[in-house]
C-alpha atoms as a PDB file:
ATOM      1  CA  MET A   1     186.638 -75.450  89.932  1.00  0.00           C
ATOM      2  CA  LEU A   2     187.146 -71.688  89.918  1.00  0.00           C
ATOM      3  CA  THR A   3     188.246 -70.438  93.350  1.00  0.00           C
ATOM      4  CA  LEU A   4     188.115 -66.723  94.080  1.00  0.00           C
ATOM      5  CA  ASN A   5     189.532 -64.835  97.027  1.00  0.00           C
ATOM      6  CA  VAL A   6     187.179 -61.945  97.721  1.00  0.00           C
ATOM      7  CA  LYS A   7     190.169 -59.763  98.614  1.00  0.00           C
ATOM      8  CA  ASP A   8     191.296 -59.961  94.970  1.00  0.00           C
ATOM      9  CA  LEU A   9     187.971 -58.800  93.521  1.00  0.00           C
ATOM     10  CA  SER A  10     186.671 -55.282  93.035  1.00  0.00           C
ATOM     11  CA  THR A  11     183.378 -54.551  94.752  1.00  0.00           C
ATOM     12  CA  PRO A  12     181.411 -54.493  91.451  1.00  0.00           C
ATOM     13  CA  ASP A  13     182.909 -57.827  90.384  1.00  0.00           C
ATOM     14  CA  LEU A  14     182.243 -59.403  93.772  1.00  0.00           C
ATOM     15  CA  HIS A  15     178.687 -58.058  93.715  1.00  0.00           C
ATOM     16  CA  ASN A  16     178.195 -59.553  90.258  1.00  0.00           C
ATOM     17  CA  TYR A  17     179.492 -62.986  91.266  1.00  0.00           C
ATOM     18  CA  LEU A  18     177.315 -63.073  94.385  1.00  0.00           C
ATOM     19  CA  GLN A  19     174.153 -61.978  92.562  1.00  0.00           C
ATOM     20  CA  HIS A  20     174.618 -64.785  90.055  1.00  0.00           C
ATOM     21  CA  ALA A  21     175.603 -67.348  92.684  1.00  0.00           C
ATOM     22  CA  ILE A  22     172.985 -66.674  95.373  1.00  0.00           C
ATOM     23  CA  ALA A  23     169.790 -66.995  93.391  1.00  0.00           C
ATOM     24  CA  PRO A  24     166.872 -66.943  92.970  1.00  0.00           C
ATOM     25  CA  ARG A  25     166.065 -64.246  95.506  1.00  0.00           C
ATOM     26  CA  PRO A  26     162.555 -63.009  96.391  1.00  0.00           C
ATOM     27  CA  ILE A  27     161.828 -59.367  95.672  1.00  0.00           C
ATOM     28  CA  CYS A  28     160.863 -56.812  98.313  1.00  0.00           C
ATOM     29  CA  PHE A  29     158.993 -54.048  96.467  1.00  0.00           C
ATOM     30  CA  ALA A  30     159.254 -51.427  99.193  1.00  0.00           C
ATOM     31  CA  SER A  31     157.040 -48.364  99.426  1.00  0.00           C
ATOM     32  CA  THR A  32     158.169 -45.695 101.878  1.00  0.00           C
ATOM     33  CA  ILE A  33     157.504 -42.052 102.637  1.00  0.00           C
ATOM     34  CA  ASP A  34     159.758 -39.238 103.823  1.00  0.00           C
ATOM     35  CA  GLY A  35     159.147 -36.658 106.521  1.00  0.00           C
ATOM     36  CA  GLY A  36     157.619 -34.315 103.952  1.00  0.00           C
ATOM     37  CA  GLY A  37     155.084 -36.875 102.758  1.00  0.00           C
ATOM     38  CA  ARG A  38     156.848 -37.728  99.480  1.00  0.00           C
ATOM     39  CA  VAL A  39     156.385 -41.350  98.395  1.00  0.00           C
ATOM     40  CA  ASN A  40     159.119 -43.654  97.107  1.00  0.00           C
ATOM     41  CA  LEU A  41     158.803 -47.117  95.580  1.00  0.00           C
ATOM     42  CA  SER A  42     161.795 -49.361  94.900  1.00  0.00           C
ATOM     43  CA  PRO A  43     162.570 -53.099  94.588  1.00  0.00           C
ATOM     44  CA  PHE A  44     165.244 -54.942  96.585  1.00  0.00           C
ATOM     45  CA  SER A  45     166.308 -58.543  96.109  1.00  0.00           C
ATOM     46  CA  PHE A  46     168.460 -58.753  99.227  1.00  0.00           C
ATOM     47  CA  PHE A  47     165.348 -59.815 101.117  1.00  0.00           C
ATOM     48  CA  ASN A  48     163.680 -62.623 103.036  1.00  0.00           C
ATOM     49  CA  MET A  49     161.632 -63.496 106.126  1.00  0.00           C
ATOM     50  CA  PHE A  50     163.625 -64.224 109.266  1.00  0.00           C
ATOM     51  CA  SER A  51     161.081 -64.709 112.038  1.00  0.00           C
ATOM     52  CA  SER A  52     157.425 -65.556 112.521  1.00  0.00           C
ATOM     53  CA  ASN A  53     157.156 -64.691 116.230  1.00  0.00           C
ATOM     54  CA  PRO A  54     157.485 -61.760 115.989  1.00  0.00           C
ATOM     55  CA  PRO A  55     156.892 -61.725 112.206  1.00  0.00           C
ATOM     56  CA  VAL A  56     159.952 -59.971 110.804  1.00  0.00           C
ATOM     57  CA  CYS A  57     161.241 -59.514 107.270  1.00  0.00           C
ATOM     58  CA  VAL A  58     164.682 -58.131 106.498  1.00  0.00           C
ATOM     59  CA  PHE A  59     165.778 -56.352 103.350  1.00  0.00           C
ATOM     60  CA  SER A  60     168.923 -54.442 102.567  1.00  0.00           C
ATOM     61  CA  PRO A  61     169.258 -51.179 100.626  1.00  0.00           C
ATOM     62  CA  SER A  62     172.993 -51.160  99.901  1.00  0.00           C
ATOM     63  CA  ARG A  63     175.182 -48.091  99.611  1.00  0.00           C
ATOM     64  CA  ARG A  64     175.930 -47.317  95.965  1.00  0.00           C
ATOM     65  CA  THR A  65     179.305 -48.595  94.822  1.00  0.00           C
ATOM     66  CA  ARG A  66     180.014 -45.712  92.442  1.00  0.00           C
ATOM     67  CA  ASP A  67     179.754 -42.831  94.936  1.00  0.00           C
ATOM     68  CA  ASN A  68     178.888 -44.395  98.335  1.00  0.00           C
ATOM     69  CA  THR A  69     175.536 -42.578  98.534  1.00  0.00           C
ATOM     70  CA  THR A  70     172.440 -44.120 100.115  1.00  0.00           C
ATOM     71  CA  LYS A  71     169.123 -44.864  98.452  1.00  0.00           C
ATOM     72  CA  HIS A  72     165.968 -42.859  98.989  1.00  0.00           C
ATOM     73  CA  THR A  73     164.277 -45.857 100.594  1.00  0.00           C
ATOM     74  CA  LEU A  74     166.873 -45.939 103.366  1.00  0.00           C
ATOM     75  CA  GLN A  75     166.735 -42.177 103.845  1.00  0.00           C
ATOM     76  CA  ASN A  76     162.943 -42.328 104.117  1.00  0.00           C
ATOM     77  CA  ILE A  77     163.018 -45.137 106.670  1.00  0.00           C
ATOM     78  CA  TYR A  78     165.240 -43.062 108.950  1.00  0.00           C
ATOM     79  CA  GLU A  79     162.688 -40.248 108.710  1.00  0.00           C
ATOM     80  CA  VAL A  80     159.515 -42.373 108.867  1.00  0.00           C
ATOM     81  CA  PRO A  81     160.306 -45.897 110.109  1.00  0.00           C
ATOM     82  CA  GLU A  82     157.522 -47.646 108.229  1.00  0.00           C
ATOM     83  CA  VAL A  83     157.417 -49.652 104.987  1.00  0.00           C
ATOM     84  CA  VAL A  84     155.020 -51.675 102.888  1.00  0.00           C
ATOM     85  CA  ILE A  85     156.608 -54.792 101.416  1.00  0.00           C
ATOM     86  CA  ASN A  86     154.706 -55.559  98.224  1.00  0.00           C
ATOM     87  CA  MET A  87     155.265 -58.999  96.716  1.00  0.00           C
ATOM     88  CA  VAL A  88     155.943 -59.108  92.982  1.00  0.00           C
ATOM     89  CA  ASN A  89     154.277 -61.438  90.491  1.00  0.00           C
ATOM     90  CA  TYR A  90     154.865 -61.901  86.777  1.00  0.00           C
ATOM     91  CA  ALA A  91     152.065 -59.530  85.775  1.00  0.00           C
ATOM     92  CA  MET A  92     153.927 -56.565  87.293  1.00  0.00           C
ATOM     93  CA  VAL A  93     157.599 -57.492  86.839  1.00  0.00           C
ATOM     94  CA  GLN A  94     158.290 -54.962  84.078  1.00  0.00           C
ATOM     95  CA  GLN A  95     156.731 -52.146  86.098  1.00  0.00           C
ATOM     96  CA  THR A  96     158.753 -53.248  89.112  1.00  0.00           C
ATOM     97  CA  SER A  97     161.927 -53.071  87.058  1.00  0.00           C
ATOM     98  CA  LEU A  98     160.995 -49.591  85.849  1.00  0.00           C
ATOM     99  CA  ALA A  99     160.562 -48.442  89.459  1.00  0.00           C
ATOM    100  CA  SER A 100     164.203 -49.384  90.120  1.00  0.00           C
ATOM    101  CA  VAL A 101     165.381 -46.474  87.979  1.00  0.00           C
ATOM    102  CA  GLU A 102     167.233 -43.895  90.084  1.00  0.00           C
ATOM    103  CA  TYR A 103     164.861 -40.990  89.668  1.00  0.00           C
ATOM    104  CA  PRO A 104     165.631 -37.768  91.582  1.00  0.00           C
ATOM    105  CA  LYS A 105     164.408 -37.564  95.173  1.00  0.00           C
ATOM    106  CA  GLY A 106     160.769 -36.553  95.306  1.00  0.00           C
ATOM    107  CA  VAL A 107     159.794 -38.340  92.091  1.00  0.00           C
ATOM    108  CA  ASN A 108     156.958 -40.798  92.770  1.00  0.00           C
ATOM    109  CA  GLU A 109     157.801 -44.166  91.202  1.00  0.00           C
ATOM    110  CA  PHE A 110     154.136 -45.200  91.460  1.00  0.00           C
ATOM    111  CA  ILE A 111     153.434 -42.623  88.771  1.00  0.00           C
ATOM    112  CA  LYS A 112     156.520 -43.419  86.684  1.00  0.00           C
ATOM    113  CA  ALA A 113     155.765 -47.153  86.724  1.00  0.00           C
ATOM    114  CA  GLY A 114     152.015 -46.748  86.241  1.00  0.00           C
ATOM    115  CA  LEU A 115     151.132 -48.486  89.497  1.00  0.00           C
ATOM    116  CA  THR A 116     148.195 -47.714  91.753  1.00  0.00           C
ATOM    117  CA  GLN A 117     148.618 -46.267  95.247  1.00  0.00           C
ATOM    118  CA  LEU A 118     146.368 -47.883  97.831  1.00  0.00           C
ATOM    119  CA  PRO A 119     146.144 -46.324 101.310  1.00  0.00           C
ATOM    120  CA  SER A 120     147.537 -48.450 104.112  1.00  0.00           C
ATOM    121  CA  GLN A 121     145.471 -49.037 107.238  1.00  0.00           C
ATOM    122  CA  LEU A 122     148.065 -48.738 109.998  1.00  0.00           C
ATOM    123  CA  ILE A 123     151.038 -46.919 108.490  1.00  0.00           C
ATOM    124  CA  LYS A 124     151.706 -43.926 106.264  1.00  0.00           C
ATOM    125  CA  PRO A 125     153.349 -45.409 103.120  1.00  0.00           C
ATOM    126  CA  PRO A 126     150.833 -46.576 100.516  1.00  0.00           C
ATOM    127  CA  ARG A 127     150.478 -50.099  99.190  1.00  0.00           C
ATOM    128  CA  VAL A 128     150.808 -51.251  95.572  1.00  0.00           C
ATOM    129  CA  ALA A 129     147.275 -52.231  94.583  1.00  0.00           C
ATOM    130  CA  GLU A 130     148.538 -54.552  91.841  1.00  0.00           C
ATOM    131  CA  ALA A 131     150.669 -56.633  94.236  1.00  0.00           C
ATOM    132  CA  PRO A 132     149.006 -59.926  95.207  1.00  0.00           C
ATOM    133  CA  ILE A 133     150.317 -59.624  98.786  1.00  0.00           C
ATOM    134  CA  GLN A 134     151.071 -56.440 100.728  1.00  0.00           C
ATOM    135  CA  LEU A 135     152.716 -56.398 104.144  1.00  0.00           C
ATOM    136  CA  GLU A 136     152.331 -53.312 106.309  1.00  0.00           C
ATOM    137  CA  CYS A 137     155.433 -53.094 108.497  1.00  0.00           C
ATOM    138  CA  VAL A 138     157.029 -50.919 111.144  1.00  0.00           C
ATOM    139  CA  VAL A 139     160.823 -50.719 111.145  1.00  0.00           C
ATOM    140  CA  ASN A 140     162.297 -51.874 114.444  1.00  0.00           C
ATOM    141  CA  ASP A 141     165.952 -51.349 113.593  1.00  0.00           C
ATOM    142  CA  VAL A 142     168.436 -50.642 110.819  1.00  0.00           C
ATOM    143  CA  ILE A 143     171.827 -52.321 111.060  1.00  0.00           C
ATOM    144  CA  ALA A 144     174.576 -50.802 108.920  1.00  0.00           C
ATOM    145  CA  LEU A 145     177.011 -53.473 107.713  1.00  0.00           C
ATOM    146  CA  GLY A 146     179.690 -51.012 106.724  1.00  0.00           C
ATOM    147  CA  GLY A 147     180.419 -47.485 105.591  1.00  0.00           C
ATOM    148  CA  LYS A 148     181.862 -48.091 102.118  1.00  0.00           C
ATOM    149  CA  GLY A 149     180.165 -48.411  98.739  1.00  0.00           C
ATOM    150  CA  GLY A 150     178.399 -51.752  98.434  1.00  0.00           C
ATOM    151  CA  ALA A 151     177.771 -52.098 102.178  1.00  0.00           C
ATOM    152  CA  GLY A 152     174.299 -53.277 103.095  1.00  0.00           C
ATOM    153  CA  ASN A 153     171.871 -51.846 105.630  1.00  0.00           C
ATOM    154  CA  LEU A 154     169.657 -54.477 107.213  1.00  0.00           C
ATOM    155  CA  VAL A 155     166.148 -53.096 107.658  1.00  0.00           C
ATOM    156  CA  MET A 156     164.262 -55.075 110.315  1.00  0.00           C
ATOM    157  CA  ALA A 157     160.631 -54.746 109.286  1.00  0.00           C
ATOM    158  CA  GLU A 158     158.017 -56.163 111.661  1.00  0.00           C
ATOM    159  CA  ILE A 159     154.810 -57.145 109.873  1.00  0.00           C
ATOM    160  CA  LYS A 160     151.647 -55.665 111.362  1.00  0.00           C
ATOM    161  CA  LEU A 161     149.038 -56.295 108.657  1.00  0.00           C
ATOM    162  CA  ILE A 162     148.924 -58.791 105.791  1.00  0.00           C
ATOM    163  CA  HIS A 163     146.743 -58.075 102.753  1.00  0.00           C
ATOM    164  CA  ILE A 164     146.161 -60.977 100.344  1.00  0.00           C
ATOM    165  CA  SER A 165     144.370 -60.808  97.008  1.00  0.00           C
ATOM    166  CA  GLU A 166     141.313 -63.052  96.734  1.00  0.00           C
ATOM    167  CA  SER A 167     142.677 -64.243  93.392  1.00  0.00           C
ATOM    168  CA  ILE A 168     145.438 -66.309  95.013  1.00  0.00           C
ATOM    169  CA  LEU A 169     143.389 -67.920  97.789  1.00  0.00           C
ATOM    170  CA  ASN A 170     142.111 -71.492  97.743  1.00  0.00           C
ATOM    171  CA  GLU A 171     138.822 -72.817  99.110  1.00  0.00           C
ATOM    172  CA  ASN A 172     140.328 -72.917 102.624  1.00  0.00           C
ATOM    173  CA  ARG A 173     141.184 -69.205 102.466  1.00  0.00           C
ATOM    174  CA  THR A 174     144.893 -69.907 102.486  1.00  0.00           C
ATOM    175  CA  ILE A 175     147.434 -69.008  99.828  1.00  0.00           C
ATOM    176  CA  ASP A 176     147.473 -71.344  96.839  1.00  0.00           C
ATOM    177  CA  GLN A 177     151.124 -71.449  95.793  1.00  0.00           C
ATOM    178  CA  LEU A 178     150.139 -72.421  92.243  1.00  0.00           C
ATOM    179  CA  LYS A 179     148.201 -69.165  91.852  1.00  0.00           C
ATOM    180  CA  THR A 180     150.827 -66.691  93.085  1.00  0.00           C
ATOM    181  CA  ASP A 181     153.001 -66.603  89.926  1.00  0.00           C
ATOM    182  CA  PHE A 182     155.796 -64.914  91.870  1.00  0.00           C
ATOM    183  CA  VAL A 183     159.031 -63.812  90.209  1.00  0.00           C
ATOM    184  CA  ALA A 184     162.485 -63.862  91.757  1.00  0.00           C
ATOM    185  CA  ARG A 185     165.731 -62.084  91.002  1.00  0.00           C
ATOM    186  CA  MET A 186     168.852 -63.731  89.675  1.00  0.00           C
ATOM    187  CA  GLY A 187     172.101 -62.243  88.331  1.00  0.00           C
ATOM    188  CA  GLY A 188     172.339 -59.428  85.804  1.00  0.00           C
ATOM    189  CA  ASP A 189     169.130 -59.047  83.817  1.00  0.00           C
ATOM    190  CA  TRP A 190     167.902 -62.516  84.747  1.00  0.00           C
ATOM    191  CA  TYR A 191     164.705 -63.324  86.642  1.00  0.00           C
ATOM    192  CA  CYS A 192     162.810 -66.555  87.149  1.00  0.00           C
ATOM    193  CA  ARG A 193     159.113 -67.311  87.417  1.00  0.00           C
ATOM    194  CA  ALA A 194     157.480 -69.661  89.932  1.00  0.00           C
ATOM    195  CA  ASN A 195     154.404 -71.134  88.297  1.00  0.00           C
ATOM    196  CA  LYS A 196     152.860 -74.587  87.882  1.00  0.00           C
ATOM    197  CA  ASP A 197     155.133 -75.391  84.924  1.00  0.00           C
ATOM    198  CA  ASN A 198     158.337 -75.262  86.988  1.00  0.00           C
ATOM    199  CA  MET A 199     157.258 -75.797  90.606  1.00  0.00           C
ATOM    200  CA  PHE A 200     157.578 -79.166  92.301  1.00  0.00           C
ATOM    201  CA  LYS A 201     157.123 -80.691  95.727  1.00  0.00           C
ATOM    202  CA  VAL A 202     159.717 -82.375  97.924  1.00  0.00           C
ATOM    203  CA  PRO A 203     158.104 -84.236 100.857  1.00  0.00           C
ATOM    204  CA  LYS A 204     159.542 -82.967 104.115  1.00  0.00           C
ATOM    205  CA  PRO A 205     161.157 -85.671 106.303  1.00  0.00           C
ATOM    206  CA  ASN A 206     159.728 -84.016 109.409  1.00  0.00           C
ATOM    207  CA  THR A 207     157.144 -86.526 110.600  1.00  0.00           C
ATOM    208  CA  GLU A 208     159.580 -89.440 110.686  1.00  0.00           C
ATOM    209  CA  ILE A 209     163.348 -89.494 110.778  1.00  0.00           C
ATOM    210  CA  GLY A 210     164.677 -90.566 107.394  1.00  0.00           C
ATOM    211  CA  MET A 211     166.989 -93.584 107.555  1.00  0.00           C
ATOM    212  CA  GLY A 212     169.593 -91.838 105.359  1.00  0.00           C
ATOM    213  CA  ILE A 213     171.338 -92.911 102.177  1.00  0.00           C
ATOM    214  CA  ASP A 214     173.977 -94.717 104.231  1.00  0.00           C
ATOM    215  CA  ALA A 215     171.317 -97.218 105.355  1.00  0.00           C
ATOM    216  CA  LEU A 216     170.597 -98.343 101.783  1.00  0.00           C
ATOM    217  CA  PRO A 217     172.180-101.573 100.547  1.00  0.00           C
ATOM    218  CA  HIS A 218     175.444-101.223  98.661  1.00  0.00           C
ATOM    219  CA  HIS A 219     173.991-102.124  95.265  1.00  0.00           C
ATOM    220  CA  ILE A 220     171.439 -99.303  95.584  1.00  0.00           C
ATOM    221  CA  ARG A 221     173.839 -96.682  96.958  1.00  0.00           C
ATOM    222  CA  ASN A 222     176.288 -97.371  94.121  1.00  0.00           C
ATOM    223  CA  SER A 223     173.758 -97.594  91.316  1.00  0.00           C
ATOM    224  CA  LYS A 224     174.914 -96.358  87.918  1.00  0.00           C
ATOM    225  CA  ILE A 225     171.344 -95.299  87.131  1.00  0.00           C
ATOM    226  CA  LEU A 226     169.916 -93.689  90.261  1.00  0.00           C
ATOM    227  CA  THR A 227     170.809 -90.044  90.825  1.00  0.00           C
ATOM    228  CA  GLY A 228     171.632 -88.273  94.069  1.00  0.00           C
ATOM    229  CA  ASN A 229     168.067 -86.951  94.119  1.00  0.00           C
ATOM    230  CA  ASN A 230     166.729 -90.503  93.717  1.00  0.00           C
ATOM    231  CA  LEU A 231     168.873 -91.747  96.595  1.00  0.00           C
ATOM    232  CA  GLY A 232     167.741 -88.784  98.685  1.00  0.00           C
ATOM    233  CA  GLN A 233     164.122 -89.810  98.105  1.00  0.00           C
ATOM    234  CA  LEU A 234     164.864 -93.345  99.269  1.00  0.00           C
ATOM    235  CA  GLY A 235     166.883 -92.107 102.240  1.00  0.00           C
ATOM    236  CA  ASN A 236     163.902 -90.045 103.385  1.00  0.00           C
ATOM    237  CA  LEU A 237     161.944 -93.228 104.074  1.00  0.00           C
ATOM    238  CA  ALA A 238     161.843 -94.269 107.719  1.00  0.00           C
ATOM    239  CA  GLY A 239     163.532 -97.633 107.160  1.00  0.00           C
ATOM    240  CA  LEU A 240     164.003-100.708 104.992  1.00  0.00           C
ATOM    241  CA  PRO A 241     161.015-103.048 104.577  1.00  0.00           C
ATOM    242  CA  ASP A 242     161.415-106.476 106.117  1.00  0.00           C
ATOM    243  CA  GLY A 243     162.256-109.585 104.134  1.00  0.00           C
ATOM    244  CA  ALA A 244     158.681-110.855 104.179  1.00  0.00           C
ATOM    245  CA  SER A 245     157.427-107.647 102.537  1.00  0.00           C
ATOM    246  CA  VAL A 246     160.087-107.872  99.826  1.00  0.00           C
ATOM    247  CA  LYS A 247     159.256-111.542  99.189  1.00  0.00           C
ATOM    248  CA  ALA A 248     155.534-110.776  98.998  1.00  0.00           C
ATOM    249  CA  TYR A 249     156.228-108.010  96.485  1.00  0.00           C
ATOM    250  CA  ARG A 250     158.467-110.304  94.423  1.00  0.00           C
ATOM    251  CA  ASP A 251     155.863-113.085  94.406  1.00  0.00           C
ATOM    252  CA  LYS A 252     153.039-110.692  93.467  1.00  0.00           C
ATOM    253  CA  HIS A 253     154.957-109.274  90.523  1.00  0.00           C
ATOM    254  CA  MET A 254     156.594-112.499  89.394  1.00  0.00           C
ATOM    255  CA  GLY A 255     157.488-112.296  85.708  1.00  0.00           C
ATOM    256  CA  LYS A 256     157.139-108.504  85.613  1.00  0.00           C
ATOM    257  CA  ILE A 257     160.293-107.602  87.510  1.00  0.00           C
ATOM    258  CA  PRO A 258     163.222-106.858  85.149  1.00  0.00           C
ATOM    259  CA  VAL A 259     166.008-109.409  85.291  1.00  0.00           C
ATOM    260  CA  LEU A 260     168.863-107.088  84.361  1.00  0.00           C
ATOM    261  CA  ALA A 261     170.038-104.791  87.143  1.00  0.00           C
ATOM    262  CA  ASP A 262     170.146-101.660  84.965  1.00  0.00           C
ATOM    263  CA  SER A 263     166.612-102.293  83.681  1.00  0.00           C
ATOM    264  CA  LEU A 264     165.376-102.811  87.237  1.00  0.00           C
ATOM    265  CA  HIS A 265     166.990 -99.558  88.351  1.00  0.00           C
ATOM    266  CA  PHE A 266     165.462 -97.671  85.424  1.00  0.00           C
ATOM    267  CA  ALA A 267     162.037 -99.058  86.383  1.00  0.00           C
ATOM    268  CA  ALA A 268     162.565 -97.983  89.998  1.00  0.00           C
ATOM    269  CA  GLN A 269     163.627 -94.529  88.816  1.00  0.00           C
ATOM    270  CA  GLU A 270     160.346 -94.162  86.931  1.00  0.00           C
ATOM    271  CA  MET A 271     158.500 -94.938  90.170  1.00  0.00           C
ATOM    272  CA  LEU A 272     160.582 -92.371  92.027  1.00  0.00           C
ATOM    273  CA  ASN A 273     159.841 -89.754  89.383  1.00  0.00           C
ATOM    274  CA  THR A 274     156.123 -90.217  90.040  1.00  0.00           C
ATOM    275  CA  GLY A 275     156.525 -90.110  93.817  1.00  0.00           C
ATOM    276  CA  ASN A 276     156.036 -93.848  94.360  1.00  0.00           C
ATOM    277  CA  THR A 277     159.046 -94.070  96.650  1.00  0.00           C
ATOM    278  CA  ALA A 278     158.077 -96.985  98.898  1.00  0.00           C
ATOM    279  CA  GLU A 279     157.329 -99.290  95.957  1.00  0.00           C
ATOM    280  CA  ALA A 280     160.549 -98.231  94.223  1.00  0.00           C
ATOM    281  CA  LEU A 281     162.495 -99.382  97.249  1.00  0.00           C
ATOM    282  CA  LEU A 282     160.657-102.728  97.309  1.00  0.00           C
ATOM    283  CA  LEU A 283     161.457-103.208  93.634  1.00  0.00           C
ATOM    284  CA  LEU A 284     165.130-102.403  94.175  1.00  0.00           C
ATOM    285  CA  LEU A 285     165.334-104.849  97.085  1.00  0.00           C
ATOM    286  CA  THR A 286     164.113-107.704  94.873  1.00  0.00           C
ATOM    287  CA  GLN A 287     167.520-107.535  93.195  1.00  0.00           C
ATOM    288  CA  GLU A 288     169.478-110.499  94.455  1.00  0.00           C
ATOM    289  CA  LYS A 289     172.753-109.521  96.098  1.00  0.00           C
END
């Protein structure tokens, strides 16, 4: 394993390692306005939500490493403490990337990137009409993390209005995650796309306390076939079924249960892969130990 002491790395190298390591990151496509009414639009991937009561997002325009200057977005926020956070989907990712170009102050990236300005309802900066979700925010605070190149500036943006495109809503008028087609930032030139081809569900163990992998019998915990993810699925169950349930399962499936341990574990893994966790555990417990 490669071990790096951050004190031995230059700021650009450290930045590069962290961008590749902490990924994927959602993109805050921030539209701001300065005291003279000039609009700026720029993406930031040091971004996430941090509170729902009050609803607060945080993003960080870092100081430039080459000359320690600050970005126009940060300058604008000090002048007019308001921002629209526009969420980025695949259909606009190339235009978003184009808006990241460091144009001179006063140049409107909406125009450069061919995006449509949409008036906000409560604040001055405009929204990106093409964005599937637009969050109108007021800036409560800016926390400088340092004074050298590469230092972040945490912008605390409290959400006041949420605009959601009809195209990503389901019949219950809530957001359908399969329709959003969001993109996220990784290291270097890399992005990733969240769509139905690469999204998956992991049931949350919130309603019942999972028994944990340590509660599984030894022959299951030390399987040569089952992966850590498989064991995690089993450990999320509330507990082991009783002996009568295992016997009933064995009797019902007599002649169909694999005799060899590896074959039985492969069969259980197939059940786990299709989300049939409780039956997979019953099958595994039919193994005589």
